[in-house]
Amino acid sequence: MFEQLSLFGGSTFSEPYTVSQLTGYIRRLIEDDPELSDVWVEGEVSNFSRASSGHCYFTLKDAGSQIGCVMWRSVAKVQDYLPVGGDLVLAHGRVGVYEAGGRYQLYVDQLRPAGVGDLYRQFELLKARLEAEGLFAPERKRPLPRFPRRIGVVTSPSAAALRDILNVLGRRYPLAEVLLAPTPVQGDDAPPQIVAAIEALNGRDDVDIIIVARGGGSLEELWAFNDERVARAVAASRIPVICGVGHETDFSLADFAADVRAPTPSAAAELVAPDRAELRAQVAGLAAALVTALQGVVEERRWRLAEQTRALKHLSPAVQLAQARQRVDDLLGRAEAAVRHSLTLRRERLGGLTGRLAGVSPLGTLERGYAIVCHRETGAVVRSVAQVASGDALDVRVADGEFEATASQKRPGLGLERRKP
């Protein structure tokens, strides 16, 4: 848009630009400058006011110039300190342009009394050095145990932070045991004792996680947790460490060195332990899922059992035995029929043979009144009167039996005399 515009040394353009276009261009120039997106400004506060919306407006000035400042309500409500006219402050933020008013201004996200400026500079220098050593590297961070049995707490025994932690743990996860490593959390003597408390907990085998905690305060009050010794002790801990120092907007070197940073001590307690209500819901859900899964398994096994039972019936010896029994019955029936048929045939054949035999049988002849005469002694059949002499003992066989006779006189055709036995 502004390729033909030269703000210095004359200008050439095909048509004039609106004020809004020019102001927007200036805003983009300023807001795209990385040097102006992260700045600290020291100056005296004047015309401080807080609108009904909660936003704060004021001016920072020194002997030579001034700049308008805006602090939004979301930032102002978490500030421990709000200035009054005449205060010397250190403000952090970004430079931007308010296009409707055509002026640049500082959008403040942190505000501190100017007396702590040296501490901030020390903090930034030490932070940069430790960060360069890799003390804050993300790959060093360890996951927190999901179900800690014993939780070590490094804080003052009289601090509100300890009460907050105990209240949260008692409500969310009363199964956990809390082991306090008491230490001062403020003053020149605090850093070495904080280090000693961390090392003491690391000397035990029954601590699953450590909470390093302190309530809110000024930068000077929280300075013990910006001590290099404390930061190194947190980083060197073999036990995972969660740091909850100050309020949400407070950052310490211990926060950066810890495995997890919590905005407050209460938040640290919430992060370190599960919620028993959520656990109950999860267990109930898992139980329902298990029941559903088991029902599915049972139904599948029942179906498979029915299929196998049906298959087994086809292969069962009982089925084969029943079929064999039926086959035997069929074969027996067929055998009986064959035997009956064979007997009938044989009976008919026998009848025919019997009839034929009867036709040529001596018995048939006897039935017609003939007799068979045999010598009693020799059993020879008498076929001629010449074979018999008077007085010979004879056996006579007729159709219904035998009787004895004695030859008395030969007569052709009569030569036998019946003798009574």
Protein backbone atom coordinates (compact mmCIF):
# COMPACT_ATOMS: atom_id res chain seq x y z
CA MET A 1 0.00 0.00 0.00
CA PHE A 2 2.77 2.40 0.95
CA GLU A 3 5.30 1.47 -1.67
CA GLN A 4 5.08 4.93 -3.34
CA LEU A 5 5.17 6.89 -0.07
CA SER A 6 8.37 8.43 1.27
CA LEU A 7 7.83 10.04 4.64
CA PHE A 8 11.14 11.82 4.52
CA GLY A 9 12.70 13.73 1.62
CA GLY A 10 9.40 14.39 -0.15
CA SER A 11 6.66 12.07 -1.28
CA THR A 12 5.16 10.87 -4.49
CA PHE A 13 1.84 9.12 -4.72
CA SER A 14 -0.90 8.66 -7.16
CA GLU A 15 -3.63 9.57 -4.67
CA PRO A 16 -3.77 10.78 -1.04
CA TYR A 17 -4.08 8.29 1.89
CA THR A 18 -6.54 8.54 4.69
CA VAL A 19 -5.49 9.27 8.25
CA SER A 20 -6.64 5.77 9.23
CA GLN A 21 -4.44 4.21 6.56
CA LEU A 22 -1.42 6.17 7.70
CA THR A 23 -2.06 5.43 11.38
CA GLY A 24 -2.56 1.73 10.64
CA TYR A 25 0.72 1.64 8.79
CA ILE A 26 2.51 3.24 11.74
CA ARG A 27 0.83 0.75 14.12
CA ARG A 28 2.10 -2.18 12.07
CA LEU A 29 5.61 -0.75 11.99
CA ILE A 30 5.66 -0.45 15.76
CA GLU A 31 3.95 -3.71 16.64
CA ASP A 32 6.08 -5.72 14.20
CA ASP A 33 9.27 -4.52 15.88
CA PRO A 34 10.43 -7.30 18.28
CA GLU A 35 12.35 -4.78 20.37
CA LEU A 36 9.08 -3.03 21.22
CA SER A 37 7.09 -6.19 21.99
CA ASP A 38 8.97 -7.04 25.22
CA VAL A 39 10.21 -3.96 27.07
CA TRP A 40 10.73 -2.75 30.64
CA VAL A 41 10.15 0.94 31.23
CA GLU A 42 11.01 2.86 34.39
CA GLY A 43 9.23 6.08 35.19
CA GLU A 44 7.05 8.14 37.52
CA VAL A 45 3.30 7.49 37.57
CA SER A 46 0.88 10.33 36.98
CA ASN A 47 -2.86 10.58 36.26
CA PHE A 48 -3.53 7.05 37.45
CA SER A 49 -7.21 6.10 37.08
CA ARG A 50 -9.30 2.95 37.03
CA ALA A 51 -12.34 2.91 34.77
CA SER A 52 -15.64 1.26 35.70
CA SER A 53 -14.68 -1.55 33.32
CA GLY A 54 -11.69 -2.37 35.56
CA HIS A 55 -9.05 -1.22 33.07
CA CYS A 56 -6.33 1.12 34.40
CA TYR A 57 -4.95 4.16 32.56
CA PHE A 58 -1.92 6.23 33.61
CA THR A 59 1.14 8.04 32.31
CA LEU A 60 4.80 7.21 32.85
CA LYS A 61 7.14 10.17 32.68
CA ASP A 62 10.66 11.24 33.41
CA ALA A 63 12.43 14.59 33.14
CA GLY A 64 12.42 14.54 29.35
CA SER A 65 9.29 12.76 28.10
CA GLN A 66 6.18 10.77 28.89
CA ILE A 67 4.19 7.81 27.51
CA GLY A 68 0.60 6.77 28.00
CA CYS A 69 -0.02 3.34 29.56
CA VAL A 70 -2.93 0.89 29.63
CA MET A 71 -3.31 -2.09 31.97
CA TRP A 72 -6.29 -4.32 31.22
CA ARG A 73 -8.62 -5.53 33.94
CA SER A 74 -7.43 -9.16 33.68
CA VAL A 75 -3.89 -7.99 34.48
CA ALA A 76 -4.87 -5.46 37.11
CA LYS A 77 -6.91 -7.90 39.20
CA VAL A 78 -3.90 -10.23 39.79
CA GLN A 79 -1.48 -7.42 40.68
CA ASP A 80 -0.24 -7.33 44.25
CA TYR A 81 0.62 -3.67 43.74
CA LEU A 82 -1.21 -0.80 42.05
CA PRO A 83 0.56 2.59 42.01
CA VAL A 84 -0.61 6.04 42.92
CA GLY A 85 0.49 9.34 41.44
CA GLY A 86 4.15 10.06 42.08
CA ASP A 87 5.24 6.40 42.50
CA LEU A 88 8.39 5.37 40.70
CA VAL A 89 7.59 2.07 38.98
CA LEU A 90 9.04 -0.53 36.66
CA ALA A 91 6.48 -1.52 33.98
CA HIS A 92 6.72 -4.40 31.54
CA GLY A 93 4.72 -4.75 28.35
CA ARG A 94 4.59 -4.01 24.65
CA VAL A 95 4.34 -0.80 22.67
CA GLY A 96 1.30 -0.41 20.44
CA VAL A 97 -0.79 2.26 18.75
CA TYR A 98 -4.29 3.40 19.72
CA GLU A 99 -5.51 4.19 16.22
CA ALA A 100 -8.66 6.05 17.26
CA GLY A 101 -6.54 8.57 19.20
CA GLY A 102 -3.56 8.45 16.88
CA ARG A 103 -1.07 7.87 19.71
CA TYR A 104 1.30 5.15 20.73
CA GLN A 105 1.14 3.73 24.25
CA LEU A 106 2.52 1.01 26.50
CA TYR A 107 0.25 -2.00 27.15
CA VAL A 108 1.39 -3.11 30.63
CA ASP A 109 1.27 -6.75 31.78
CA GLN A 110 3.50 -6.44 34.86
CA LEU A 111 4.01 -3.57 37.27
CA ARG A 112 6.50 -3.37 40.16
CA PRO A 113 7.89 -0.62 42.37
CA ALA A 114 11.09 0.67 40.77
CA GLY A 115 13.12 -0.25 43.84
CA VAL A 116 13.10 -3.90 42.79
CA GLY A 117 14.57 -3.19 39.39
CA ASP A 118 18.01 -4.43 40.43
CA LEU A 119 16.53 -7.69 41.67
CA TYR A 120 14.81 -8.20 38.34
CA ARG A 121 18.04 -7.62 36.51
CA GLN A 122 19.79 -10.14 38.76
CA PHE A 123 16.93 -12.58 38.19
CA GLU A 124 17.14 -12.26 34.40
CA LEU A 125 20.92 -12.64 34.36
CA LEU A 126 20.91 -15.73 36.58
CA LYS A 127 17.97 -17.21 34.67
CA ALA A 128 19.81 -16.77 31.38
CA ARG A 129 22.96 -18.42 32.75
CA LEU A 130 21.15 -21.42 34.25
CA GLU A 131 19.06 -21.80 31.11
CA ALA A 132 22.22 -21.86 29.02
CA GLU A 133 23.49 -24.72 31.21
CA GLY A 134 20.37 -26.71 30.34
CA LEU A 135 18.99 -26.59 33.89
CA PHE A 136 15.51 -25.72 32.61
CA ALA A 137 15.52 -27.96 29.53
CA PRO A 138 12.13 -29.59 28.83
CA GLU A 139 13.73 -33.01 28.27
CA ARG A 140 14.82 -33.00 31.92
CA LYS A 141 11.22 -32.78 33.12
CA ARG A 142 9.80 -35.97 34.59
CA PRO A 143 6.15 -37.04 34.79
CA LEU A 144 4.49 -36.90 38.18
CA PRO A 145 3.42 -40.17 39.80
CA ARG A 146 -0.29 -40.73 39.33
CA PHE A 147 -1.04 -42.22 42.74
CA PRO A 148 1.58 -40.99 45.26
CA ARG A 149 1.59 -42.75 48.60
CA ARG A 150 3.78 -40.26 50.46
CA ILE A 151 4.12 -36.58 49.52
CA GLY A 152 7.01 -34.50 50.83
CA VAL A 153 6.29 -30.81 51.42
CA VAL A 154 9.03 -28.19 51.72
CA THR A 155 7.57 -25.06 53.33
CA SER A 156 7.17 -23.24 56.62
CA PRO A 157 5.10 -25.14 59.21
CA SER A 158 3.27 -21.92 60.07
CA ALA A 159 2.59 -20.86 56.49
CA ALA A 160 -0.90 -20.62 55.04
CA ALA A 161 0.50 -22.53 52.05
CA LEU A 162 0.79 -25.69 54.19
CA ARG A 163 -2.81 -25.40 55.38
CA ASP A 164 -3.97 -24.93 51.80
CA ILE A 165 -2.04 -27.99 50.66
CA LEU A 166 -3.39 -30.17 53.49
CA ASN A 167 -6.96 -29.00 52.86
CA VAL A 168 -6.76 -29.80 49.16
CA LEU A 169 -5.13 -33.21 49.72
CA GLY A 170 -7.62 -34.11 52.45
CA ARG A 171 -10.49 -33.29 50.12
CA ARG A 172 -9.13 -34.83 46.94
CA TYR A 173 -6.92 -37.74 48.01
CA PRO A 174 -6.90 -38.59 51.73
CA LEU A 175 -5.04 -41.85 51.06
CA ALA A 176 -1.75 -39.97 50.65
CA GLU A 177 0.51 -39.36 53.64
CA VAL A 178 2.12 -35.93 53.92
CA LEU A 179 5.68 -35.62 55.22
CA LEU A 180 6.68 -32.05 56.12
CA ALA A 181 10.30 -30.92 55.76
CA PRO A 182 10.03 -27.60 57.68
CA THR A 183 12.08 -24.65 56.55
CA PRO A 184 11.96 -20.85 56.52
CA VAL A 185 10.75 -19.57 53.17
CA GLN A 186 11.88 -15.96 53.46
CA GLY A 187 15.07 -14.15 54.42
CA ASP A 188 18.79 -14.64 53.97
CA ASP A 189 18.82 -17.88 56.00
CA ALA A 190 16.05 -19.49 53.95
CA PRO A 191 17.97 -20.72 50.82
CA PRO A 192 20.39 -23.12 52.57
CA GLN A 193 17.60 -24.52 54.75
CA ILE A 194 15.33 -25.01 51.72
CA VAL A 195 18.20 -26.89 50.07
CA ALA A 196 18.69 -29.01 53.22
CA ALA A 197 14.96 -29.84 53.34
CA ILE A 198 14.98 -30.99 49.70
CA GLU A 199 18.09 -33.10 50.27
CA ALA A 200 16.58 -34.63 53.43
CA LEU A 201 13.54 -35.81 51.51
CA ASN A 202 15.78 -37.19 48.77
CA GLY A 203 17.56 -39.22 51.43
CA ARG A 204 14.41 -41.25 52.07
CA ASP A 205 13.11 -44.19 50.03
CA ASP A 206 9.43 -43.72 50.78
CA VAL A 207 8.76 -40.28 49.23
CA ASP A 208 7.10 -40.31 45.80
CA ILE A 209 6.98 -36.56 45.07
CA ILE A 210 8.05 -33.24 46.59
CA ILE A 211 6.06 -30.00 46.74
CA VAL A 212 8.10 -26.83 47.22
CA ALA A 213 5.61 -24.16 48.25
CA ARG A 214 5.15 -20.64 49.54
CA GLY A 215 2.28 -18.18 49.45
CA GLY A 216 2.28 -14.88 47.59
CA GLY A 217 4.44 -11.88 48.39
CA SER A 218 6.65 -9.23 46.96
CA LEU A 219 9.70 -9.98 44.88
CA GLU A 220 11.93 -9.50 47.93
CA GLU A 221 9.79 -11.92 49.97
CA LEU A 222 9.95 -14.58 47.26
CA TRP A 223 13.63 -14.03 46.53
CA ALA A 224 14.77 -17.17 48.41
CA PHE A 225 13.31 -19.24 45.57
CA ASN A 226 15.40 -17.28 43.05
CA ASP A 227 18.58 -18.33 44.84
CA GLU A 228 20.92 -20.31 42.63
CA ARG A 229 21.45 -22.95 45.33
CA VAL A 230 17.72 -23.60 45.60
CA ALA A 231 17.30 -23.81 41.82
CA ARG A 232 20.14 -26.32 41.55
CA ALA A 233 18.81 -28.40 44.44
CA VAL A 234 15.40 -28.60 42.78
CA ALA A 235 16.96 -29.60 39.47
CA ALA A 236 19.22 -32.21 41.15
CA SER A 237 16.37 -33.90 43.07
CA ARG A 238 16.02 -37.59 42.19
CA ILE A 239 12.38 -37.31 43.28
CA PRO A 240 10.04 -35.37 40.96
CA VAL A 241 9.44 -31.82 42.21
CA ILE A 242 6.41 -29.59 41.73
CA CYS A 243 6.90 -25.95 42.64
CA GLY A 244 4.02 -23.75 43.80
CA VAL A 245 5.50 -20.45 44.90
CA GLY A 246 3.59 -17.16 45.01
CA HIS A 247 0.59 -16.28 42.90
CA GLU A 248 -0.22 -17.03 39.28
CA THR A 249 1.85 -14.14 37.91
CA ASP A 250 4.90 -14.90 40.07
CA PHE A 251 7.71 -16.88 38.46
CA SER A 252 10.83 -18.02 40.28
CA LEU A 253 13.96 -19.88 39.23
CA ALA A 254 12.71 -22.81 41.31
CA ASP A 255 9.62 -22.87 39.07
CA PHE A 256 11.76 -23.18 35.96
CA ALA A 257 13.97 -25.89 37.53
CA ALA A 258 11.08 -27.98 38.82
CA ASP A 259 9.49 -30.80 36.86
CA VAL A 260 6.13 -29.01 37.04
CA ARG A 261 5.28 -25.42 37.92
CA ALA A 262 1.99 -24.69 39.69
CA PRO A 263 0.56 -21.15 39.94
CA THR A 264 -0.23 -21.50 43.68
CA PRO A 265 0.38 -23.96 46.54
CA SER A 266 -3.26 -25.11 46.30
CA ALA A 267 -2.83 -25.73 42.58
CA ALA A 268 0.31 -27.74 43.33
CA ALA A 269 -1.70 -29.98 45.67
CA GLU A 270 -4.36 -30.44 42.99
CA LEU A 271 -1.76 -31.37 40.40
CA VAL A 272 0.06 -33.81 42.64
CA ALA A 273 -2.93 -35.93 43.67
CA PRO A 274 -5.95 -37.31 41.82
CA ASP A 275 -9.50 -36.35 42.76
CA ARG A 276 -11.25 -39.19 44.54
CA ALA A 277 -14.59 -38.18 43.01
CA GLU A 278 -13.06 -38.50 39.56
CA LEU A 279 -11.48 -41.81 40.58
CA ARG A 280 -14.86 -43.10 41.73
CA ALA A 281 -16.37 -42.08 38.40
CA GLN A 282 -13.51 -43.72 36.51
CA VAL A 283 -13.80 -46.92 38.55
CA ALA A 284 -17.56 -46.98 37.98
CA GLY A 285 -17.01 -46.45 34.26
CA LEU A 286 -14.35 -49.16 34.13
CA ALA A 287 -16.60 -51.52 36.08
CA ALA A 288 -19.46 -50.91 33.65
CA ALA A 289 -17.11 -51.42 30.71
CA LEU A 290 -15.79 -54.61 32.33
CA VAL A 291 -19.32 -55.94 32.84
CA THR A 292 -20.15 -55.15 29.21
CA ALA A 293 -16.95 -56.79 28.03
CA LEU A 294 -17.55 -59.88 30.19
CA GLN A 295 -21.11 -60.13 28.96
CA GLY A 296 -19.81 -59.99 25.43
CA VAL A 297 -17.23 -62.68 26.18
CA VAL A 298 -19.85 -64.87 27.87
CA GLU A 299 -22.24 -64.45 24.94
CA GLU A 300 -19.49 -65.29 22.47
CA ARG A 301 -18.40 -68.33 24.50
CA ARG A 302 -22.04 -69.44 24.85
CA TRP A 303 -22.50 -69.18 21.08
CA ARG A 304 -19.27 -71.06 20.44
CA LEU A 305 -20.30 -73.74 22.96
CA ALA A 306 -23.65 -74.15 21.22
CA GLU A 307 -21.87 -74.45 17.86
CA GLN A 308 -19.44 -77.01 19.26
CA THR A 309 -22.29 -78.90 20.93
CA ARG A 310 -24.11 -79.12 17.63
CA ALA A 311 -20.94 -80.24 15.91
CA LEU A 312 -20.29 -82.79 18.66
CA LYS A 313 -23.76 -84.23 18.27
CA HIS A 314 -22.96 -85.05 14.68
CA LEU A 315 -19.71 -86.73 15.71
CA SER A 316 -20.99 -88.27 18.95
CA PRO A 317 -20.69 -92.08 19.37
CA ALA A 318 -24.27 -92.04 20.63
CA VAL A 319 -25.45 -90.69 17.28
CA GLN A 320 -23.29 -93.18 15.41
CA LEU A 321 -24.49 -95.96 17.72
CA ALA A 322 -28.12 -95.02 17.12
CA GLN A 323 -27.53 -94.99 13.39
CA ALA A 324 -25.69 -98.33 13.64
CA ARG A 325 -28.54 -99.75 15.74
CA GLN A 326 -31.04 -98.60 13.16
CA ARG A 327 -28.89 -100.07 10.44
CA VAL A 328 -28.74 -103.38 12.35
CA ASP A 329 -32.51 -103.30 12.66
CA ASP A 330 -32.76 -102.68 8.94
CA LEU A 331 -30.33 -105.51 8.22
CA LEU A 332 -32.14 -107.84 10.62
CA GLY A 333 -35.44 -107.01 8.96
CA ARG A 334 -33.94 -107.64 5.56
CA ALA A 335 -32.34 -110.88 6.84
CA GLU A 336 -35.62 -112.07 8.33
CA ALA A 337 -37.43 -111.31 5.10
CA ALA A 338 -34.71 -113.10 3.15
CA VAL A 339 -34.88 -116.09 5.52
CA ARG A 340 -38.65 -116.19 5.33
CA HIS A 341 -38.47 -115.99 1.55
CA SER A 342 -35.82 -118.69 1.47
CA LEU A 343 -37.84 -120.90 3.83
CA THR A 344 -40.93 -120.42 1.72
CA LEU A 345 -39.02 -121.40 -1.37
CA ARG A 346 -37.46 -124.37 0.39
CA ARG A 347 -40.80 -125.34 1.86
CA GLU A 348 -42.40 -125.23 -1.53
CA ARG A 349 -39.51 -127.14 -3.00
CA LEU A 350 -39.69 -129.65 -0.16
CA GLY A 351 -43.40 -130.02 -0.73
CA GLY A 352 -42.78 -130.78 -4.36
CA LEU A 353 -40.03 -133.24 -3.51
CA THR A 354 -42.18 -134.77 -0.82
CA GLY A 355 -44.99 -135.24 -3.28
CA ARG A 356 -42.63 -136.80 -5.75
CA LEU A 357 -41.06 -138.91 -3.04
CA ALA A 358 -44.44 -139.97 -1.82
CA GLY A 359 -45.19 -141.14 -5.30
CA VAL A 360 -42.24 -143.55 -5.28
CA SER A 361 -41.99 -144.24 -1.56
CA PRO A 362 -42.62 -147.81 -0.22
CA LEU A 363 -44.71 -146.19 2.46
CA GLY A 364 -47.10 -145.02 -0.19
CA THR A 365 -47.26 -148.57 -1.47
CA LEU A 366 -47.89 -149.77 2.03
CA GLU A 367 -50.66 -147.26 2.43
CA ARG A 368 -52.33 -148.87 -0.53
CA GLY A 369 -52.44 -152.26 1.27
CA TYR A 370 -49.14 -153.78 0.38
CA ALA A 371 -46.61 -155.17 2.87
CA ILE A 372 -42.86 -155.74 3.06
CA VAL A 373 -41.78 -159.18 4.23
CA CYS A 374 -38.29 -159.80 5.60
CA HIS A 375 -36.53 -162.81 7.05
CA ARG A 376 -36.27 -162.21 10.74
CA GLU A 377 -32.84 -163.64 11.06
CA THR A 378 -31.23 -162.09 7.99
CA GLY A 379 -33.45 -159.10 7.41
CA ALA A 380 -33.50 -159.94 3.72
CA VAL A 381 -36.56 -158.77 1.88
CA VAL A 382 -38.68 -161.60 0.53
CA ARG A 383 -39.39 -160.89 -3.07
CA SER A 384 -40.31 -164.44 -4.15
CA VAL A 385 -41.93 -167.48 -2.63
CA ALA A 386 -38.82 -169.30 -3.59
CA GLN A 387 -36.98 -167.44 -0.88
CA VAL A 388 -39.25 -168.80 1.87
CA ALA A 389 -39.47 -172.27 3.31
CA SER A 390 -42.20 -173.66 5.49
CA GLY A 391 -41.61 -172.64 9.08
CA ASP A 392 -39.43 -169.58 8.31
CA ALA A 393 -39.87 -166.76 10.79
CA LEU A 394 -40.82 -163.65 9.02
CA ASP A 395 -41.36 -159.94 9.85
CA VAL A 396 -44.17 -158.27 8.01
CA ARG A 397 -44.28 -154.48 7.76
CA VAL A 398 -47.52 -152.76 6.82
CA ALA A 399 -48.51 -149.12 6.67
CA ASP A 400 -49.22 -148.72 10.37
CA GLY A 401 -46.64 -151.10 11.89
CA GLU A 402 -45.04 -154.55 11.89
CA PHE A 403 -46.01 -158.04 12.99
CA GLU A 404 -44.40 -161.48 13.00
CA ALA A 405 -45.43 -164.35 10.81
CA THR A 406 -44.39 -167.92 10.07
CA ALA A 407 -44.33 -169.41 6.62
CA SER A 408 -46.57 -172.53 6.45
CA GLN A 409 -47.27 -173.46 2.86
CA LYS A 410 -46.17 -172.07 -0.44
CA ARG A 411 -48.93 -171.03 -2.79
CA PRO A 412 -48.31 -168.81 -5.74
CA GLY A 413 -49.73 -165.47 -4.80
CA LEU A 414 -50.71 -166.75 -1.32
CA GLY A 415 -47.57 -168.19 0.19
CA LEU A 416 -47.92 -166.38 3.57
CA GLU A 417 -49.97 -167.37 6.56
CA ARG A 418 -50.63 -164.68 9.09
CA ARG A 419 -49.72 -165.74 12.49
CA LYS A 420 -50.92 -164.11 15.57
CA PRO A 421 -48.13 -162.93 17.73
